[in-house]
Amino acid sequence: MIVVFKYFFFKNYVGLSLWPFIILKNSSLKKDTTLLNHEKIHLRQQRELLIMPFYFLYLLEGIMRYLMYFDAYRAYRSISFEREAYHNETNLNYLRERRTFSFIKYLWSQKPLECRE
C-alpha cells in the first residue's frame, strides 16, 4: 500500500518502506517505477526477515558502517539492504528473479555505489 506523507521526510529522502507500507514524500512519486521498485525490494527484505529483525539488522549495520566511515550518507549507502535495492532498482523483473536472502552477498561487497540523484 502506498501512502503520501510529505512531513515524514527530511533533506533529499523521498521514499521509505515500513511494512506493509511504502511512504512517499509527494503523490507524483507514485509514477516513479524505479523508486517504487527500490522500496518493494525493501518490503521483500523485511518480509523474509520477519519484519522486526530487518529493522534491527538495518540499524545495527548502519551504526557499524558509520563507525567505519564517520560519514552518515556513505554509511547509509553501504548498508547491505540499500546496496541490494540500489543495485537492482532499475530491473523491474528483479523481484521475480531474486533469491531469498540475496542481500547477504552485499554485506562483503566493497564495490562503490553510484549516487542516484
C-alpha atoms as a PDB file:
ATOM      1  CA  MET A   1       0.000   0.000   0.000  1.00  0.00           C
ATOM      2  CA  ILE A   2       1.349   3.426  -0.948  1.00  0.00           C
ATOM      3  CA  VAL A   3       0.858   6.382   1.404  1.00  0.00           C
ATOM      4  CA  VAL A   4       1.844  10.009   0.743  1.00  0.00           C
ATOM      5  CA  PHE A   5       3.044  11.996   3.744  1.00  0.00           C
ATOM      6  CA  LYS A   6       5.379  14.876   2.929  1.00  0.00           C
ATOM      7  CA  TYR A   7       6.161  15.844   6.536  1.00  0.00           C
ATOM      8  CA  PHE A   8       7.734  12.477   7.301  1.00  0.00           C
ATOM      9  CA  PHE A   9      10.914  13.201   5.329  1.00  0.00           C
ATOM     10  CA  PHE A  10      13.956  15.404   5.688  1.00  0.00           C
ATOM     11  CA  LYS A  11      16.631  16.508   3.224  1.00  0.00           C
ATOM     12  CA  ASN A  12      16.612  14.596  -0.083  1.00  0.00           C
ATOM     13  CA  TYR A  13      14.799  11.463   1.090  1.00  0.00           C
ATOM     14  CA  VAL A  14      11.599  10.854  -0.854  1.00  0.00           C
ATOM     15  CA  GLY A  15      10.542   7.295  -0.040  1.00  0.00           C
ATOM     16  CA  LEU A  16      10.542   4.801   2.795  1.00  0.00           C
ATOM     17  CA  SER A  17       9.272   1.264   3.322  1.00  0.00           C
ATOM     18  CA  LEU A  18       7.698   0.412   6.649  1.00  0.00           C
ATOM     19  CA  TRP A  19       5.987  -2.945   6.385  1.00  0.00           C
ATOM     20  CA  PRO A  20       3.444  -3.104   4.747  1.00  0.00           C
ATOM     21  CA  PHE A  21       3.542   0.495   3.507  1.00  0.00           C
ATOM     22  CA  ILE A  22       5.569   2.476   1.015  1.00  0.00           C
ATOM     23  CA  ILE A  23       5.566   6.070   2.229  1.00  0.00           C
ATOM     24  CA  LEU A  24       6.293   8.776  -0.345  1.00  0.00           C
ATOM     25  CA  LYS A  25       7.052  12.461   0.020  1.00  0.00           C
ATOM     26  CA  ASN A  26       4.566  13.511  -2.680  1.00  0.00           C
ATOM     27  CA  SER A  27       1.955  11.902  -4.921  1.00  0.00           C
ATOM     28  CA  SER A  28       3.881  12.499  -8.149  1.00  0.00           C
ATOM     29  CA  LEU A  29       6.390   9.866  -6.955  1.00  0.00           C
ATOM     30  CA  LYS A  30       3.724   7.181  -7.446  1.00  0.00           C
ATOM     31  CA  LYS A  31       4.763   7.230 -11.123  1.00  0.00           C
ATOM     32  CA  ASP A  32       8.476   6.698 -10.375  1.00  0.00           C
ATOM     33  CA  THR A  33       8.829   2.993 -11.184  1.00  0.00           C
ATOM     34  CA  THR A  34      12.494   2.923 -10.152  1.00  0.00           C
ATOM     35  CA  LEU A  35      11.753   4.353  -6.706  1.00  0.00           C
ATOM     36  CA  LEU A  36       8.777   2.044  -6.216  1.00  0.00           C
ATOM     37  CA  ASN A  37      10.845  -0.976  -7.237  1.00  0.00           C
ATOM     38  CA  HIS A  38      13.568   0.080  -4.768  1.00  0.00           C
ATOM     39  CA  GLU A  39      11.003   0.284  -1.965  1.00  0.00           C
ATOM     40  CA  LYS A  40       9.389  -3.028  -2.979  1.00  0.00           C
ATOM     41  CA  ILE A  41      12.794  -4.674  -2.686  1.00  0.00           C
ATOM     42  CA  HIS A  42      12.923  -3.393   0.895  1.00  0.00           C
ATOM     43  CA  LEU A  43       9.443  -4.778   1.568  1.00  0.00           C
ATOM     44  CA  ARG A  44      10.622  -8.192   0.370  1.00  0.00           C
ATOM     45  CA  GLN A  45      13.697  -7.963   2.594  1.00  0.00           C
ATOM     46  CA  GLN A  46      11.504  -7.037   5.549  1.00  0.00           C
ATOM     47  CA  ARG A  47       9.103  -9.897   4.919  1.00  0.00           C
ATOM     48  CA  GLU A  48      11.782 -12.562   4.565  1.00  0.00           C
ATOM     49  CA  LEU A  49      13.402 -11.452   7.841  1.00  0.00           C
ATOM     50  CA  LEU A  50      10.023 -11.421   9.610  1.00  0.00           C
ATOM     51  CA  ILE A  51       9.946  -7.609   9.777  1.00  0.00           C
ATOM     52  CA  MET A  52      11.396  -6.700  13.182  1.00  0.00           C
ATOM     53  CA  PRO A  53      14.763  -8.455  12.684  1.00  0.00           C
ATOM     54  CA  PHE A  54      15.110  -6.467   9.448  1.00  0.00           C
ATOM     55  CA  TYR A  55      14.891  -3.170  11.328  1.00  0.00           C
ATOM     56  CA  PHE A  56      17.299  -4.394  13.998  1.00  0.00           C
ATOM     57  CA  LEU A  57      19.864  -5.581  11.425  1.00  0.00           C
ATOM     58  CA  TYR A  58      19.419  -2.427   9.332  1.00  0.00           C
ATOM     59  CA  LEU A  59      20.110  -0.217  12.345  1.00  0.00           C
ATOM     60  CA  LEU A  60      22.997  -2.376  13.566  1.00  0.00           C
ATOM     61  CA  GLU A  61      24.672  -2.392  10.165  1.00  0.00           C
ATOM     62  CA  GLY A  62      24.062   1.346   9.797  1.00  0.00           C
ATOM     63  CA  ILE A  63      25.821   2.024  13.107  1.00  0.00           C
ATOM     64  CA  MET A  64      28.710  -0.267  12.185  1.00  0.00           C
ATOM     65  CA  ARG A  65      29.095   1.400   8.770  1.00  0.00           C
ATOM     66  CA  TYR A  66      29.013   4.831  10.380  1.00  0.00           C
ATOM     67  CA  LEU A  67      31.796   3.807  12.756  1.00  0.00           C
ATOM     68  CA  MET A  68      33.777   2.611   9.730  1.00  0.00           C
ATOM     69  CA  TYR A  69      33.353   5.777   7.641  1.00  0.00           C
ATOM     70  CA  PHE A  70      32.266   8.571  10.028  1.00  0.00           C
ATOM     71  CA  ASP A  71      30.017   9.734   7.203  1.00  0.00           C
ATOM     72  CA  ALA A  72      26.261   9.218   7.583  1.00  0.00           C
ATOM     73  CA  TYR A  73      25.460   9.232   3.863  1.00  0.00           C
ATOM     74  CA  ARG A  74      28.265   6.815   2.981  1.00  0.00           C
ATOM     75  CA  ALA A  75      27.192   4.579   5.864  1.00  0.00           C
ATOM     76  CA  TYR A  76      23.585   4.593   4.609  1.00  0.00           C
ATOM     77  CA  ARG A  77      24.644   3.779   1.039  1.00  0.00           C
ATOM     78  CA  SER A  78      26.852   0.942   2.324  1.00  0.00           C
ATOM     79  CA  ILE A  79      24.127  -0.927   4.228  1.00  0.00           C
ATOM     80  CA  SER A  80      23.672  -4.286   2.501  1.00  0.00           C
ATOM     81  CA  PHE A  81      19.891  -3.834   2.205  1.00  0.00           C
ATOM     82  CA  GLU A  82      20.402  -0.477   0.474  1.00  0.00           C
ATOM     83  CA  ARG A  83      23.184  -1.836  -1.728  1.00  0.00           C
ATOM     84  CA  GLU A  84      20.894  -4.590  -2.996  1.00  0.00           C
ATOM     85  CA  ALA A  85      17.990  -2.189  -3.563  1.00  0.00           C
ATOM     86  CA  TYR A  86      20.066   0.469  -5.339  1.00  0.00           C
ATOM     87  CA  HIS A  87      21.909  -2.094  -7.451  1.00  0.00           C
ATOM     88  CA  ASN A  88      18.644  -3.671  -8.689  1.00  0.00           C
ATOM     89  CA  GLU A  89      16.127  -0.821  -8.615  1.00  0.00           C
ATOM     90  CA  THR A  90      16.082  -0.376 -12.406  1.00  0.00           C
ATOM     91  CA  ASN A  91      15.495  -4.090 -13.039  1.00  0.00           C
ATOM     92  CA  LEU A  92      11.716  -4.308 -12.848  1.00  0.00           C
ATOM     93  CA  ASN A  93      11.921  -8.124 -13.052  1.00  0.00           C
ATOM     94  CA  TYR A  94      14.299  -8.371 -10.108  1.00  0.00           C
ATOM     95  CA  LEU A  95      11.721  -9.399  -7.514  1.00  0.00           C
ATOM     96  CA  ARG A  96      10.607 -12.302  -9.724  1.00  0.00           C
ATOM     97  CA  GLU A  97      14.229 -13.442 -10.179  1.00  0.00           C
ATOM     98  CA  ARG A  98      15.510 -12.667  -6.670  1.00  0.00           C
ATOM     99  CA  ARG A  99      16.573 -15.474  -4.376  1.00  0.00           C
ATOM    100  CA  THR A 100      15.778 -15.403  -0.679  1.00  0.00           C
ATOM    101  CA  PHE A 101      18.323 -13.519   1.466  1.00  0.00           C
ATOM    102  CA  SER A 102      20.027 -12.025  -1.604  1.00  0.00           C
ATOM    103  CA  PHE A 103      21.092  -9.019   0.469  1.00  0.00           C
ATOM    104  CA  ILE A 104      23.740 -11.209   2.157  1.00  0.00           C
ATOM    105  CA  LYS A 105      26.053 -11.078  -0.844  1.00  0.00           C
ATOM    106  CA  TYR A 106      26.125  -7.278  -0.475  1.00  0.00           C
ATOM    107  CA  LEU A 107      27.461  -7.477   3.084  1.00  0.00           C
ATOM    108  CA  TRP A 108      31.034  -8.056   1.947  1.00  0.00           C
ATOM    109  CA  SER A 109      30.980  -6.343  -1.421  1.00  0.00           C
ATOM    110  CA  GLN A 110      33.163  -3.238  -1.426  1.00  0.00           C
ATOM    111  CA  LYS A 111      32.243  -2.007  -4.902  1.00  0.00           C
ATOM    112  CA  PRO A 112      31.217   1.651  -4.546  1.00  0.00           C
ATOM    113  CA  LEU A 113      27.631   2.525  -5.379  1.00  0.00           C
ATOM    114  CA  GLU A 114      26.780   5.320  -7.747  1.00  0.00           C
ATOM    115  CA  CYS A 115      24.589   8.023  -6.264  1.00  0.00           C
ATOM    116  CA  ARG A 116      21.076   8.350  -7.648  1.00  0.00           C
ATOM    117  CA  GLU A 117      20.146  11.995  -7.820  1.00  0.00           C
END
